[in-house]
Amino acid sequence: MQILERLHKQEIEERYDIADMQHSTLEEFEKERNKLLDMSLRGMIQDEVFEAKDKELRDKISKVKAVNKDAQERDKNWYEI
C-alpha cells in the first residue's frame, strides 16, 4: 500500500509540473500572437505574413490545448482507479 501511495504522490507531482509547463507554453504563444496582431495593426508587417504566422501560432495553441485536454482525461482516469 505504501508503494501505491508513493507512486500516487510522484504521479501528482509530475502532472503538476507538466500542467505548469503547458500553461507557460500556452501563455507564451498567446503573447506572441498578441504582438503579431499589434505589428499588423501598426502596419509593420504585410497581411500575408500576418496570416501565415497567425495560422502557425493558432495551430501551436490548438496542439497545446489538445495535449492539456488529454492530460486532464488521464488525470480523471487515474483518480477513478
PDB file of N, CA and C in Angstrom:
ATOM      1  N   MET A   1       0.825  -1.205   0.000  1.00  0.00           N
ATOM      2  CA  MET A   1       0.000   0.000   0.000  1.00  0.00           C
ATOM      3  C   MET A   1       0.862   1.259   0.000  1.00  0.00           C
ATOM      4  N   GLN A   2       1.985   1.208   0.734  1.00  0.00           N
ATOM      5  CA  GLN A   2       2.871   2.365   0.770  1.00  0.00           C
ATOM      6  C   GLN A   2       3.475   2.643  -0.602  1.00  0.00           C
ATOM      7  N   ILE A   3       3.723   1.594  -1.343  1.00  0.00           N
ATOM      8  CA  ILE A   3       4.275   1.763  -2.683  1.00  0.00           C
ATOM      9  C   ILE A   3       3.276   2.511  -3.556  1.00  0.00           C
ATOM     10  N   LEU A   4       2.013   2.127  -3.474  1.00  0.00           N
ATOM     11  CA  LEU A   4       0.975   2.815  -4.255  1.00  0.00           C
ATOM     12  C   LEU A   4       0.858   4.284  -3.851  1.00  0.00           C
ATOM     13  N   GLU A   5       0.960   4.552  -2.570  1.00  0.00           N
ATOM     14  CA  GLU A   5       0.871   5.936  -2.104  1.00  0.00           C
ATOM     15  C   GLU A   5       2.035   6.766  -2.637  1.00  0.00           C
ATOM     16  N   ARG A   6       3.246   6.179  -2.628  1.00  0.00           N
ATOM     17  CA  ARG A   6       4.410   6.890  -3.168  1.00  0.00           C
ATOM     18  C   ARG A   6       4.263   7.120  -4.671  1.00  0.00           C
ATOM     19  N   LEU A   7       3.796   6.106  -5.370  1.00  0.00           N
ATOM     20  CA  LEU A   7       3.576   6.246  -6.814  1.00  0.00           C
ATOM     21  C   LEU A   7       2.543   7.324  -7.104  1.00  0.00           C
ATOM     22  N   HIS A   8       1.503   7.326  -6.305  1.00  0.00           N
ATOM     23  CA  HIS A   8       0.446   8.323  -6.476  1.00  0.00           C
ATOM     24  C   HIS A   8       0.989   9.730  -6.248  1.00  0.00           C
ATOM     25  N   LYS A   9       1.762   9.910  -5.201  1.00  0.00           N
ATOM     26  CA  LYS A   9       2.342  11.221  -4.898  1.00  0.00           C
ATOM     27  C   LYS A   9       3.280  11.667  -6.015  1.00  0.00           C
ATOM     28  N   GLN A  10       4.106  10.751  -6.496  1.00  0.00           N
ATOM     29  CA  GLN A  10       5.036  11.071  -7.579  1.00  0.00           C
ATOM     30  C   GLN A  10       4.270  11.435  -8.851  1.00  0.00           C
ATOM     31  N   GLU A  11       3.238  10.679  -9.137  1.00  0.00           N
ATOM     32  CA  GLU A  11       2.408  10.942 -10.327  1.00  0.00           C
ATOM     33  C   GLU A  11       1.778  12.323 -10.248  1.00  0.00           C
ATOM     34  N   ILE A  12       1.272  12.693  -9.101  1.00  0.00           N
ATOM     35  CA  ILE A  12       0.646  14.001  -8.925  1.00  0.00           C
ATOM     36  C   ILE A  12       1.663  15.112  -9.150  1.00  0.00           C
ATOM     37  N   GLU A  13       2.855  14.969  -8.567  1.00  0.00           N
ATOM     38  CA  GLU A  13       3.888  15.981  -8.729  1.00  0.00           C
ATOM     39  C   GLU A  13       4.280  16.141 -10.190  1.00  0.00           C
ATOM     40  N   GLU A  14       4.431  15.025 -10.891  1.00  0.00           N
ATOM     41  CA  GLU A  14       4.788  15.071 -12.313  1.00  0.00           C
ATOM     42  C   GLU A  14       3.683  15.736 -13.131  1.00  0.00           C
ATOM     43  N   ARG A  15       2.462  15.424 -12.805  1.00  0.00           N
ATOM     44  CA  ARG A  15       1.346  16.018 -13.550  1.00  0.00           C
ATOM     45  C   ARG A  15       1.249  17.529 -13.307  1.00  0.00           C
ATOM     46  N   TYR A  16       1.514  17.960 -12.080  1.00  0.00           N
ATOM     47  CA  TYR A  16       1.526  19.402 -11.799  1.00  0.00           C
ATOM     48  C   TYR A  16       2.634  20.099 -12.585  1.00  0.00           C
ATOM     49  N   ASP A  17       3.804  19.479 -12.652  1.00  0.00           N
ATOM     50  CA  ASP A  17       4.918  20.052 -13.406  1.00  0.00           C
ATOM     51  C   ASP A  17       4.574  20.157 -14.894  1.00  0.00           C
ATOM     52  N   ILE A  18       3.982  19.109 -15.417  1.00  0.00           N
ATOM     53  CA  ILE A  18       3.596  19.104 -16.834  1.00  0.00           C
ATOM     54  C   ILE A  18       2.537  20.177 -17.098  1.00  0.00           C
ATOM     55  N   ALA A  19       1.542  20.254 -16.233  1.00  0.00           N
ATOM     56  CA  ALA A  19       0.485  21.256 -16.401  1.00  0.00           C
ATOM     57  C   ALA A  19       1.063  22.666 -16.349  1.00  0.00           C
ATOM     58  N   ASP A  20       2.019  22.886 -15.457  1.00  0.00           N
ATOM     59  CA  ASP A  20       2.650  24.200 -15.338  1.00  0.00           C
ATOM     60  C   ASP A  20       3.408  24.548 -16.619  1.00  0.00           C
ATOM     61  N   MET A  21       4.145  23.584 -17.164  1.00  0.00           N
ATOM     62  CA  MET A  21       4.876  23.826 -18.414  1.00  0.00           C
ATOM     63  C   MET A  21       3.912  24.108 -19.568  1.00  0.00           C
ATOM     64  N   GLN A  22       2.829  23.352 -19.631  1.00  0.00           N
ATOM     65  CA  GLN A  22       1.853  23.558 -20.699  1.00  0.00           C
ATOM     66  C   GLN A  22       1.219  24.940 -20.586  1.00  0.00           C
ATOM     67  N   HIS A  23       0.914  25.344 -19.366  1.00  0.00           N
ATOM     68  CA  HIS A  23       0.313  26.659 -19.149  1.00  0.00           C
ATOM     69  C   HIS A  23       1.281  27.761 -19.575  1.00  0.00           C
ATOM     70  N   SER A  24       2.540  27.624 -19.217  1.00  0.00           N
ATOM     71  CA  SER A  24       3.553  28.616 -19.601  1.00  0.00           C
ATOM     72  C   SER A  24       3.710  28.678 -21.115  1.00  0.00           C
ATOM     73  N   THR A  25       3.726  27.531 -21.745  1.00  0.00           N
ATOM     74  CA  THR A  25       3.854  27.474 -23.202  1.00  0.00           C
ATOM     75  C   THR A  25       2.664  28.142 -23.874  1.00  0.00           C
ATOM     76  N   LEU A  26       1.487  27.856 -23.378  1.00  0.00           N
ATOM     77  CA  LEU A  26       0.270  28.451 -23.926  1.00  0.00           C
ATOM     78  C   LEU A  26       0.295  29.969 -23.782  1.00  0.00           C
ATOM     79  N   GLU A  27       0.684  30.450 -22.614  1.00  0.00           N
ATOM     80  CA  GLU A  27       0.774  31.901 -22.397  1.00  0.00           C
ATOM     81  C   GLU A  27       1.772  32.537 -23.355  1.00  0.00           C
ATOM     82  N   GLU A  28       2.898  31.870 -23.572  1.00  0.00           N
ATOM     83  CA  GLU A  28       3.930  32.400 -24.465  1.00  0.00           C
ATOM     84  C   GLU A  28       3.410  32.505 -25.904  1.00  0.00           C
ATOM     85  N   PHE A  29       2.724  31.477 -26.368  1.00  0.00           N
ATOM     86  CA  PHE A  29       2.161  31.516 -27.717  1.00  0.00           C
ATOM     87  C   PHE A  29       1.107  32.618 -27.847  1.00  0.00           C
ATOM     88  N   GLU A  30       0.300  32.786 -26.820  1.00  0.00           N
ATOM     89  CA  GLU A  30      -0.728  33.831 -26.858  1.00  0.00           C
ATOM     90  C   GLU A  30      -0.105  35.224 -26.841  1.00  0.00           C
ATOM     91  N   LYS A  31       0.991  35.400 -26.103  1.00  0.00           N
ATOM     92  CA  LYS A  31       1.702  36.680 -26.116  1.00  0.00           C
ATOM     93  C   LYS A  31       2.265  36.965 -27.509  1.00  0.00           C
ATOM     94  N   GLU A  32       2.852  35.938 -28.118  1.00  0.00           N
ATOM     95  CA  GLU A  32       3.386  36.091 -29.478  1.00  0.00           C
ATOM     96  C   GLU A  32       2.279  36.498 -30.447  1.00  0.00           C
ATOM     97  N   ARG A  33       1.139  35.864 -30.286  1.00  0.00           N
ATOM     98  CA  ARG A  33       0.013  36.171 -31.175  1.00  0.00           C
ATOM     99  C   ARG A  33      -0.469  37.607 -30.978  1.00  0.00           C
ATOM    100  N   ASN A  34      -0.516  38.080 -29.733  1.00  0.00           N
ATOM    101  CA  ASN A  34      -0.903  39.463 -29.460  1.00  0.00           C
ATOM    102  C   ASN A  34       0.099  40.447 -30.047  1.00  0.00           C
ATOM    103  N   LYS A  35       1.391  40.140 -29.927  1.00  0.00           N
ATOM    104  CA  LYS A  35       2.424  41.003 -30.514  1.00  0.00           C
ATOM    105  C   LYS A  35       2.294  41.041 -32.033  1.00  0.00           C
ATOM    106  N   LEU A  36       2.013  39.893 -32.600  1.00  0.00           N
ATOM    107  CA  LEU A  36       1.828  39.814 -34.047  1.00  0.00           C
ATOM    108  C   LEU A  36       0.662  40.688 -34.482  1.00  0.00           C
ATOM    109  N   LEU A  37      -0.428  40.634 -33.750  1.00  0.00           N
ATOM    110  CA  LEU A  37      -1.589  41.459 -34.061  1.00  0.00           C
ATOM    111  C   LEU A  37      -1.249  42.939 -33.957  1.00  0.00           C
ATOM    112  N   ASP A  38      -0.516  43.310 -32.906  1.00  0.00           N
ATOM    113  CA  ASP A  38      -0.094  44.705 -32.753  1.00  0.00           C
ATOM    114  C   ASP A  38       0.741  45.166 -33.947  1.00  0.00           C
ATOM    115  N   MET A  39       1.660  44.305 -34.372  1.00  0.00           N
ATOM    116  CA  MET A  39       2.505  44.651 -35.520  1.00  0.00           C
ATOM    117  C   MET A  39       1.664  44.833 -36.780  1.00  0.00           C
ATOM    118  N   SER A  40       0.675  43.979 -36.942  1.00  0.00           N
ATOM    119  CA  SER A  40      -0.193  44.072 -38.111  1.00  0.00           C
ATOM    120  C   SER A  40      -1.014  45.355 -38.075  1.00  0.00           C
ATOM    121  N   LEU A  41      -1.572  45.674 -36.914  1.00  0.00           N
ATOM    122  CA  LEU A  41      -2.390  46.881 -36.788  1.00  0.00           C
ATOM    123  C   LEU A  41      -1.581  48.155 -37.016  1.00  0.00           C
ATOM    124  N   ARG A  42      -0.301  48.110 -36.703  1.00  0.00           N
ATOM    125  CA  ARG A  42       0.573  49.270 -36.897  1.00  0.00           C
ATOM    126  C   ARG A  42       1.172  49.321 -38.295  1.00  0.00           C
ATOM    127  N   GLY A  43       0.832  48.341 -39.114  1.00  0.00           N
ATOM    128  CA  GLY A  43       1.333  48.320 -40.482  1.00  0.00           C
ATOM    129  C   GLY A  43       2.791  47.912 -40.589  1.00  0.00           C
ATOM    130  N   MET A  44       3.286  47.218 -39.583  1.00  0.00           N
ATOM    131  CA  MET A  44       4.690  46.831 -39.559  1.00  0.00           C
ATOM    132  C   MET A  44       4.970  45.554 -40.352  1.00  0.00           C
ATOM    133  N   ILE A  45       3.921  44.764 -40.610  1.00  0.00           N
ATOM    134  CA  ILE A  45       4.073  43.550 -41.411  1.00  0.00           C
ATOM    135  C   ILE A  45       2.940  43.484 -42.420  1.00  0.00           C
ATOM    136  N   GLN A  46       3.200  42.789 -43.501  1.00  0.00           N
ATOM    137  CA  GLN A  46       2.190  42.633 -44.544  1.00  0.00           C
ATOM    138  C   GLN A  46       1.125  41.628 -44.104  1.00  0.00           C
ATOM    139  N   ASP A  47      -0.045  41.767 -44.703  1.00  0.00           N
ATOM    140  CA  ASP A  47      -1.160  40.894 -44.348  1.00  0.00           C
ATOM    141  C   ASP A  47      -0.833  39.416 -44.557  1.00  0.00           C
ATOM    142  N   GLU A  48      -0.110  39.113 -45.642  1.00  0.00           N
ATOM    143  CA  GLU A  48       0.220  37.717 -45.928  1.00  0.00           C
ATOM    144  C   GLU A  48       1.116  37.125 -44.839  1.00  0.00           C
ATOM    145  N   VAL A  49       2.059  37.926 -44.369  1.00  0.00           N
ATOM    146  CA  VAL A  49       2.954  37.474 -43.303  1.00  0.00           C
ATOM    147  C   VAL A  49       2.151  37.276 -42.017  1.00  0.00           C
ATOM    148  N   PHE A  50       1.268  38.217 -41.732  1.00  0.00           N
ATOM    149  CA  PHE A  50       0.428  38.105 -40.539  1.00  0.00           C
ATOM    150  C   PHE A  50      -0.404  36.832 -40.588  1.00  0.00           C
ATOM    151  N   GLU A  51      -1.066  36.604 -41.708  1.00  0.00           N
ATOM    152  CA  GLU A  51      -1.950  35.443 -41.817  1.00  0.00           C
ATOM    153  C   GLU A  51      -1.191  34.130 -41.653  1.00  0.00           C
ATOM    154  N   ALA A  52      -0.012  34.039 -42.259  1.00  0.00           N
ATOM    155  CA  ALA A  52       0.772  32.811 -42.164  1.00  0.00           C
ATOM    156  C   ALA A  52       1.251  32.573 -40.731  1.00  0.00           C
ATOM    157  N   LYS A  53       1.790  33.609 -40.125  1.00  0.00           N
ATOM    158  CA  LYS A  53       2.310  33.472 -38.757  1.00  0.00           C
ATOM    159  C   LYS A  53       1.164  33.257 -37.758  1.00  0.00           C
ATOM    160  N   ASP A  54       0.036  33.931 -37.979  1.00  0.00           N
ATOM    161  CA  ASP A  54      -1.111  33.766 -37.093  1.00  0.00           C
ATOM    162  C   ASP A  54      -1.630  32.334 -37.161  1.00  0.00           C
ATOM    163  N   LYS A  55      -1.684  31.771 -38.356  1.00  0.00           N
ATOM    164  CA  LYS A  55      -2.135  30.379 -38.501  1.00  0.00           C
ATOM    165  C   LYS A  55      -1.170  29.436 -37.783  1.00  0.00           C
ATOM    166  N   GLU A  56       0.111  29.693 -37.920  1.00  0.00           N
ATOM    167  CA  GLU A  56       1.117  28.866 -37.254  1.00  0.00           C
ATOM    168  C   GLU A  56       0.931  28.901 -35.731  1.00  0.00           C
ATOM    169  N   LEU A  57       0.718  30.094 -35.203  1.00  0.00           N
ATOM    170  CA  LEU A  57       0.535  30.226 -33.756  1.00  0.00           C
ATOM    171  C   LEU A  57      -0.782  29.603 -33.300  1.00  0.00           C
ATOM    172  N   ARG A  58      -1.845  29.780 -34.073  1.00  0.00           N
ATOM    173  CA  ARG A  58      -3.123  29.149 -33.716  1.00  0.00           C
ATOM    174  C   ARG A  58      -3.005  27.638 -33.694  1.00  0.00           C
ATOM    175  N   ASP A  59      -2.244  27.083 -34.658  1.00  0.00           N
ATOM    176  CA  ASP A  59      -2.029  25.635 -34.690  1.00  0.00           C
ATOM    177  C   ASP A  59      -1.260  25.173 -33.448  1.00  0.00           C
ATOM    178  N   LYS A  60      -0.236  25.923 -33.072  1.00  0.00           N
ATOM    179  CA  LYS A  60       0.539  25.576 -31.879  1.00  0.00           C
ATOM    180  C   LYS A  60      -0.332  25.644 -30.626  1.00  0.00           C
ATOM    181  N   ILE A  61      -1.148  26.676 -30.540  1.00  0.00           N
ATOM    182  CA  ILE A  61      -2.045  26.833 -29.387  1.00  0.00           C
ATOM    183  C   ILE A  61      -3.033  25.668 -29.328  1.00  0.00           C
ATOM    184  N   SER A  62      -3.571  25.291 -30.478  1.00  0.00           N
ATOM    185  CA  SER A  62      -4.515  24.159 -30.522  1.00  0.00           C
ATOM    186  C   SER A  62      -3.860  22.865 -30.062  1.00  0.00           C
ATOM    187  N   LYS A  63      -2.614  22.652 -30.478  1.00  0.00           N
ATOM    188  CA  LYS A  63      -1.909  21.433 -30.078  1.00  0.00           C
ATOM    189  C   LYS A  63      -1.684  21.393 -28.569  1.00  0.00           C
ATOM    190  N   VAL A  64      -1.272  22.525 -28.000  1.00  0.00           N
ATOM    191  CA  VAL A  64      -1.049  22.578 -26.555  1.00  0.00           C
ATOM    192  C   VAL A  64      -2.358  22.326 -25.815  1.00  0.00           C
ATOM    193  N   LYS A  65      -3.440  22.914 -26.290  1.00  0.00           N
ATOM    194  CA  LYS A  65      -4.740  22.701 -25.651  1.00  0.00           C
ATOM    195  C   LYS A  65      -5.180  21.244 -25.763  1.00  0.00           C
ATOM    196  N   ALA A  66      -4.906  20.615 -26.901  1.00  0.00           N
ATOM    197  CA  ALA A  66      -5.275  19.208 -27.075  1.00  0.00           C
ATOM    198  C   ALA A  66      -4.474  18.321 -26.125  1.00  0.00           C
ATOM    199  N   VAL A  67      -3.190  18.596 -25.987  1.00  0.00           N
ATOM    200  CA  VAL A  67      -2.355  17.830 -25.064  1.00  0.00           C
ATOM    201  C   VAL A  67      -2.842  18.036 -23.629  1.00  0.00           C
ATOM    202  N   ASN A  68      -3.215  19.277 -23.313  1.00  0.00           N
ATOM    203  CA  ASN A  68      -3.717  19.587 -21.980  1.00  0.00           C
ATOM    204  C   ASN A  68      -5.018  18.836 -21.704  1.00  0.00           C
ATOM    205  N   LYS A  69      -5.886  18.787 -22.688  1.00  0.00           N
ATOM    206  CA  LYS A  69      -7.152  18.075 -22.523  1.00  0.00           C
ATOM    207  C   LYS A  69      -6.908  16.582 -22.317  1.00  0.00           C
ATOM    208  N   ASP A  70      -5.956  16.037 -23.065  1.00  0.00           N
ATOM    209  CA  ASP A  70      -5.602  14.632 -22.920  1.00  0.00           C
ATOM    210  C   ASP A  70      -5.046  14.359 -21.523  1.00  0.00           C
ATOM    211  N   ALA A  71      -4.200  15.258 -21.043  1.00  0.00           N
ATOM    212  CA  ALA A  71      -3.628  15.096 -19.700  1.00  0.00           C
ATOM    213  C   ALA A  71      -4.719  15.151 -18.634  1.00  0.00           C
ATOM    214  N   GLN A  72      -5.682  16.032 -18.819  1.00  0.00           N
ATOM    215  CA  GLN A  72      -6.786  16.121 -17.853  1.00  0.00           C
ATOM    216  C   GLN A  72      -7.606  14.829 -17.844  1.00  0.00           C
ATOM    217  N   GLU A  73      -7.789  14.246 -19.016  1.00  0.00           N
ATOM    218  CA  GLU A  73      -8.540  12.993 -19.103  1.00  0.00           C
ATOM    219  C   GLU A  73      -7.781  11.862 -18.388  1.00  0.00           C
ATOM    220  N   ARG A  74      -6.449  11.840 -18.557  1.00  0.00           N
ATOM    221  CA  ARG A  74      -5.649  10.838 -17.861  1.00  0.00           C
ATOM    222  C   ARG A  74      -5.710  11.050 -16.353  1.00  0.00           C
ATOM    223  N   ASP A  75      -5.711  12.324 -15.932  1.00  0.00           N
ATOM    224  CA  ASP A  75      -5.846  12.619 -14.502  1.00  0.00           C
ATOM    225  C   ASP A  75      -7.152  12.056 -13.963  1.00  0.00           C
ATOM    226  N   LYS A  76      -8.206  12.282 -14.708  1.00  0.00           N
ATOM    227  CA  LYS A  76      -9.522  11.796 -14.299  1.00  0.00           C
ATOM    228  C   LYS A  76      -9.507  10.271 -14.176  1.00  0.00           C
ATOM    229  N   ASN A  77      -8.905   9.613 -15.161  1.00  0.00           N
ATOM    230  CA  ASN A  77      -8.848   8.155 -15.126  1.00  0.00           C
ATOM    231  C   ASN A  77      -7.986   7.652 -13.982  1.00  0.00           C
ATOM    232  N   TRP A  78      -6.919   8.379 -13.670  1.00  0.00           N
ATOM    233  CA  TRP A  78      -6.035   7.972 -12.565  1.00  0.00           C
ATOM    234  C   TRP A  78      -6.808   8.005 -11.247  1.00  0.00           C
ATOM    235  N   TYR A  79      -7.596   9.047 -11.050  1.00  0.00           N
ATOM    236  CA  TYR A  79      -8.318   9.167  -9.796  1.00  0.00           C
ATOM    237  C   TYR A  79      -9.458   8.158  -9.685  1.00  0.00           C
ATOM    238  N   GLU A  80      -9.939   7.689 -10.815  1.00  0.00           N
ATOM    239  CA  GLU A  80     -11.011   6.693 -10.780  1.00  0.00           C
ATOM    240  C   GLU A  80     -10.494   5.315 -10.402  1.00  0.00           C
ATOM    241  N   ILE A  81      -9.192   5.113 -10.532  1.00  0.00           N
ATOM    242  CA  ILE A  81      -8.586   3.798 -10.183  1.00  0.00           C
ATOM    243  C   ILE A  81      -8.540   3.682  -8.739  1.00  0.00           C
TER     244      ILE A  81
END
